[in-house]
């Protein structure tokens, strides 16, 4: 009788152990189904984003438009967004955003999905000018109204946008000679915080272009 009870006890232990294994196996199957059901699309999304950004940053007209946006951060101009929509895969919604290099560039409104983001630096030209300075003329509000060139620098491209140092937010379009030396500048945005008669540095304009994408 004792042997029979002992044998039955071992059988019950084995049955309980097998039951635990079966339950664990079912749980693993459920977990694996949930994991494998989600396709990781991040690599193909990033590849698409980089292709779109590369197309924009090598387009002279698009670069000029981006650099001419006066108030930042801002959405990209309509024609650039149209190009983004045309080039984006049909399973994605993508939005371009323009920011200063120092900004933490974010979407203008929240999206309740996984958002993929890539950014590039947009400048006036692939050739970088340097060394130009000028004397600033300002209005009563500290906005630049004109610049007298004191050093034309080198390697600037005619007609490109530049940032004027010495305050904040002033930009202009330059005129150069055949050697890339600046001979004049037309102010396109006066900015703020400039001092009359102060020396300003003149450098190529830079912006951050960030592309945000999420699934439809």
Protein backbone atom coordinates (compact mmCIF):
# COMPACT_ATOMS: atom_id res chain seq x y z
CA UNK A 1 0.00 0.00 0.00
CA UNK A 2 2.81 2.35 0.83
CA UNK A 3 4.56 1.49 -2.42
CA UNK A 4 1.37 2.19 -4.41
CA UNK A 5 0.93 5.62 -2.82
CA UNK A 6 4.59 6.43 -3.46
CA UNK A 7 4.28 5.44 -7.10
CA UNK A 8 1.09 7.51 -7.52
CA UNK A 9 2.83 10.50 -5.94
CA UNK A 10 5.68 10.35 -8.45
CA UNK A 11 3.22 10.07 -11.33
CA UNK A 12 1.40 13.19 -10.11
CA UNK A 13 4.70 15.08 -9.88
CA UNK A 14 5.65 14.07 -13.43
CA UNK A 15 2.18 15.02 -14.72
CA UNK A 16 2.42 18.43 -13.03
CA UNK A 17 5.89 18.99 -14.51
CA UNK A 18 4.70 18.07 -18.01
CA UNK A 19 1.70 20.41 -17.60
CA UNK A 20 4.04 23.27 -16.67
CA UNK A 21 6.19 22.57 -19.75
CA UNK A 22 3.12 22.56 -21.99
CA UNK A 23 1.91 25.90 -20.61
CA UNK A 24 5.39 27.39 -20.99
CA UNK A 25 5.54 26.12 -24.57
CA UNK A 26 2.21 27.75 -25.40
CA UNK A 27 3.39 31.05 -23.90
CA UNK A 28 6.59 30.94 -25.94
CA UNK A 29 4.64 30.32 -29.14
CA UNK A 30 2.36 33.29 -28.39
CA UNK A 31 5.33 35.55 -27.59
CA UNK A 32 7.19 34.47 -30.73
CA UNK A 33 4.15 35.09 -32.89
CA UNK A 34 3.96 38.61 -31.51
CA UNK A 35 7.65 39.20 -32.12
CA UNK A 36 7.91 37.77 -35.61
CA UNK A 37 4.67 39.43 -36.66
CA UNK A 38 6.36 42.83 -36.45
CA UNK A 39 8.57 43.54 -39.44
CA UNK A 40 11.55 45.80 -38.81
CA UNK A 41 11.35 48.42 -41.58
CA UNK A 42 13.82 50.87 -40.08
CA UNK A 43 16.65 50.10 -42.51
CA UNK A 44 14.53 50.57 -45.63
CA UNK A 45 12.95 53.73 -44.20
CA UNK A 46 16.35 55.26 -43.44
CA UNK A 47 17.58 54.35 -46.93
CA UNK A 48 14.57 56.11 -48.48
CA UNK A 49 15.07 59.16 -46.25
CA UNK A 50 18.74 59.53 -47.14
CA UNK A 51 17.92 59.25 -50.84
CA UNK A 52 15.30 62.01 -50.58
CA UNK A 53 17.56 64.28 -48.52
CA UNK A 54 20.44 63.77 -50.95
CA UNK A 55 18.20 64.80 -53.86
CA UNK A 56 17.19 67.99 -52.05
CA UNK A 57 20.67 68.99 -50.87
CA UNK A 58 22.13 68.68 -54.37
CA UNK A 59 19.38 70.82 -55.93
CA UNK A 60 20.53 74.47 -56.15
CA UNK A 61 16.98 75.86 -56.25
CA UNK A 62 15.87 73.84 -53.22
CA UNK A 63 18.95 74.87 -51.22
CA UNK A 64 18.30 78.55 -51.96
CA UNK A 65 14.66 78.20 -50.90
CA UNK A 66 15.57 76.52 -47.63
CA UNK A 67 18.20 79.14 -46.79
CA UNK A 68 15.75 81.96 -47.57
CA UNK A 69 13.14 80.85 -45.01
CA UNK A 70 13.18 83.82 -42.58
CA UNK A 71 11.64 82.38 -39.40
CA UNK A 72 12.84 79.08 -37.95
CA UNK A 73 11.97 76.37 -37.17
CA UNK A 74 9.58 75.95 -40.10
CA UNK A 75 8.14 73.37 -42.44
CA UNK A 76 9.81 73.11 -45.84
CA UNK A 77 8.35 75.18 -48.71
CA UNK A 78 5.41 73.60 -50.58
CA UNK A 79 7.35 72.62 -53.70
CA UNK A 80 9.98 70.82 -51.62
CA UNK A 81 7.29 69.01 -49.62
CA UNK A 82 5.67 68.01 -52.92
CA UNK A 83 8.98 66.47 -54.00
CA UNK A 84 9.23 64.64 -50.68
CA UNK A 85 5.69 63.26 -51.13
CA UNK A 86 6.54 62.15 -54.65
CA UNK A 87 9.72 60.34 -53.61
CA UNK A 88 8.47 58.78 -50.36
CA UNK A 89 7.40 55.10 -50.46
CA UNK A 90 3.61 54.69 -50.54
CA UNK A 91 3.50 53.16 -47.04
CA UNK A 92 5.06 56.27 -45.45
CA UNK A 93 4.02 59.80 -44.57
CA UNK A 94 7.03 62.14 -44.54
CA UNK A 95 7.41 65.76 -43.42
CA UNK A 96 10.43 68.03 -43.89
CA UNK A 97 11.44 70.54 -41.21
CA UNK A 98 14.01 73.37 -41.39
CA UNK A 99 15.92 74.42 -38.27
CA UNK A 100 19.09 76.21 -37.22
CA UNK A 101 22.08 73.94 -36.72
CA UNK A 102 21.98 74.61 -32.98
CA UNK A 103 18.28 73.73 -32.67
CA UNK A 104 16.81 70.47 -31.47
CA UNK A 105 14.76 69.95 -34.61
CA UNK A 106 11.38 68.33 -33.84
CA UNK A 107 8.03 67.85 -35.54
CA UNK A 108 5.63 70.78 -35.25
CA UNK A 109 2.86 68.43 -34.03
CA UNK A 110 2.90 65.09 -32.20
CA UNK A 111 2.47 61.80 -34.09
CA UNK A 112 1.20 58.74 -32.22
CA UNK A 113 3.40 56.31 -34.13
CA UNK A 114 7.05 55.29 -34.39
CA UNK A 115 8.76 58.22 -36.12
CA UNK A 116 11.97 57.78 -38.14
CA UNK A 117 14.21 60.83 -38.59
CA UNK A 118 17.30 61.70 -40.62
CA UNK A 119 18.96 65.11 -41.12
CA UNK A 120 21.45 66.83 -43.40
CA UNK A 121 23.15 70.22 -43.34
CA UNK A 122 22.08 72.57 -46.12
CA UNK A 123 24.54 75.25 -47.22
CA UNK A 124 24.59 77.75 -50.05
CA UNK A 125 27.12 75.93 -52.16
CA UNK A 126 29.35 72.90 -52.12
CA UNK A 127 32.27 75.36 -52.37
CA UNK A 128 32.86 77.13 -49.06
CA UNK A 129 33.90 80.79 -49.05
CA UNK A 130 35.91 82.32 -46.20
CA UNK A 131 37.61 85.45 -44.92
CA UNK A 132 35.08 88.14 -45.92
CA UNK A 133 34.31 91.02 -43.54
CA UNK A 134 32.45 94.30 -43.75
CA UNK A 135 31.34 97.40 -41.84
CA UNK A 136 27.70 97.32 -40.76
CA UNK A 137 25.09 100.06 -41.14
CA UNK A 138 21.96 99.58 -39.01
CA UNK A 139 18.60 101.23 -38.33
CA UNK A 140 17.24 102.33 -34.95
CA UNK A 141 16.15 98.77 -34.16
CA UNK A 142 19.61 97.26 -34.66
CA UNK A 143 18.70 95.65 -37.99
CA UNK A 144 21.29 95.64 -40.76
CA UNK A 145 20.47 97.99 -43.64
CA UNK A 146 23.74 97.67 -45.55
CA UNK A 147 27.34 96.49 -45.43
CA UNK A 148 30.48 98.09 -46.81
CA UNK A 149 32.88 95.31 -47.78
CA UNK A 150 36.31 95.72 -46.18
CA UNK A 151 37.72 92.30 -47.09
CA UNK A 152 36.22 90.35 -49.98
CA UNK A 153 37.58 86.98 -48.84
CA UNK A 154 38.05 84.09 -51.27
CA UNK A 155 36.17 81.22 -52.94
CA UNK A 156 32.66 82.66 -52.65
CA UNK A 157 30.08 81.90 -55.34
CA UNK A 158 28.19 84.76 -56.94
CA UNK A 159 24.53 85.12 -55.94
CA UNK A 160 24.53 82.79 -52.94
CA UNK A 161 23.08 83.49 -49.50
CA UNK A 162 25.34 84.34 -46.57
CA UNK A 163 24.96 84.83 -42.82
CA UNK A 164 26.15 88.12 -41.34
CA UNK A 165 27.89 87.81 -37.99
CA UNK A 166 27.91 90.44 -35.23
CA UNK A 167 24.25 90.09 -34.28
CA UNK A 168 21.48 87.61 -34.98
CA UNK A 169 19.49 86.67 -38.05
CA UNK A 170 20.87 88.97 -40.77
CA UNK A 171 21.37 87.42 -44.19
CA UNK A 172 22.24 88.68 -47.63
CA UNK A 173 22.96 87.76 -51.24
CA UNK A 174 26.49 88.40 -52.42
CA UNK A 175 28.03 89.63 -55.64
CA UNK A 176 31.54 88.42 -56.46
CA UNK A 177 34.21 88.92 -59.08
CA UNK A 178 35.57 86.10 -61.23
CA UNK A 179 38.00 85.10 -58.47
CA UNK A 180 35.27 84.50 -55.88
CA UNK A 181 35.99 87.74 -53.99
CA UNK A 182 32.90 89.52 -52.62
CA UNK A 183 32.36 92.96 -54.14
CA UNK A 184 28.94 93.72 -52.68
CA UNK A 185 26.07 92.34 -50.63
CA UNK A 186 22.30 92.85 -50.85
CA UNK A 187 20.57 92.50 -47.48
CA UNK A 188 17.68 90.01 -47.51
CA UNK A 189 16.97 89.97 -43.75
CA UNK A 190 18.09 92.67 -41.32
CA UNK A 191 18.13 90.57 -38.17
CA UNK A 192 18.50 92.13 -34.71
CA UNK A 193 21.18 93.13 -32.21
CA UNK A 194 23.68 94.67 -34.65
CA UNK A 195 25.73 97.80 -33.90
CA UNK A 196 26.26 100.60 -36.40
CA UNK A 197 29.86 100.72 -37.66
CA UNK A 198 30.76 97.34 -36.19
CA UNK A 199 32.73 94.78 -38.16
CA UNK A 200 30.74 91.81 -39.43
CA UNK A 201 32.00 88.46 -40.62
CA UNK A 202 30.34 87.05 -43.73
CA UNK A 203 29.98 83.30 -44.01
CA UNK A 204 28.04 80.77 -46.01
CA UNK A 205 24.52 80.22 -44.70
CA UNK A 206 23.76 76.88 -43.04
CA UNK A 207 20.49 75.21 -42.11
CA UNK A 208 19.49 71.84 -40.74
CA UNK A 209 17.01 69.93 -42.91
CA UNK A 210 15.37 67.08 -41.05
CA UNK A 211 13.04 64.52 -42.57
CA UNK A 212 10.49 62.78 -40.34
CA UNK A 213 8.63 59.69 -41.59
CA UNK A 214 6.04 57.33 -40.12
CA UNK A 215 3.82 54.58 -41.46
CA UNK A 216 0.32 55.34 -42.77
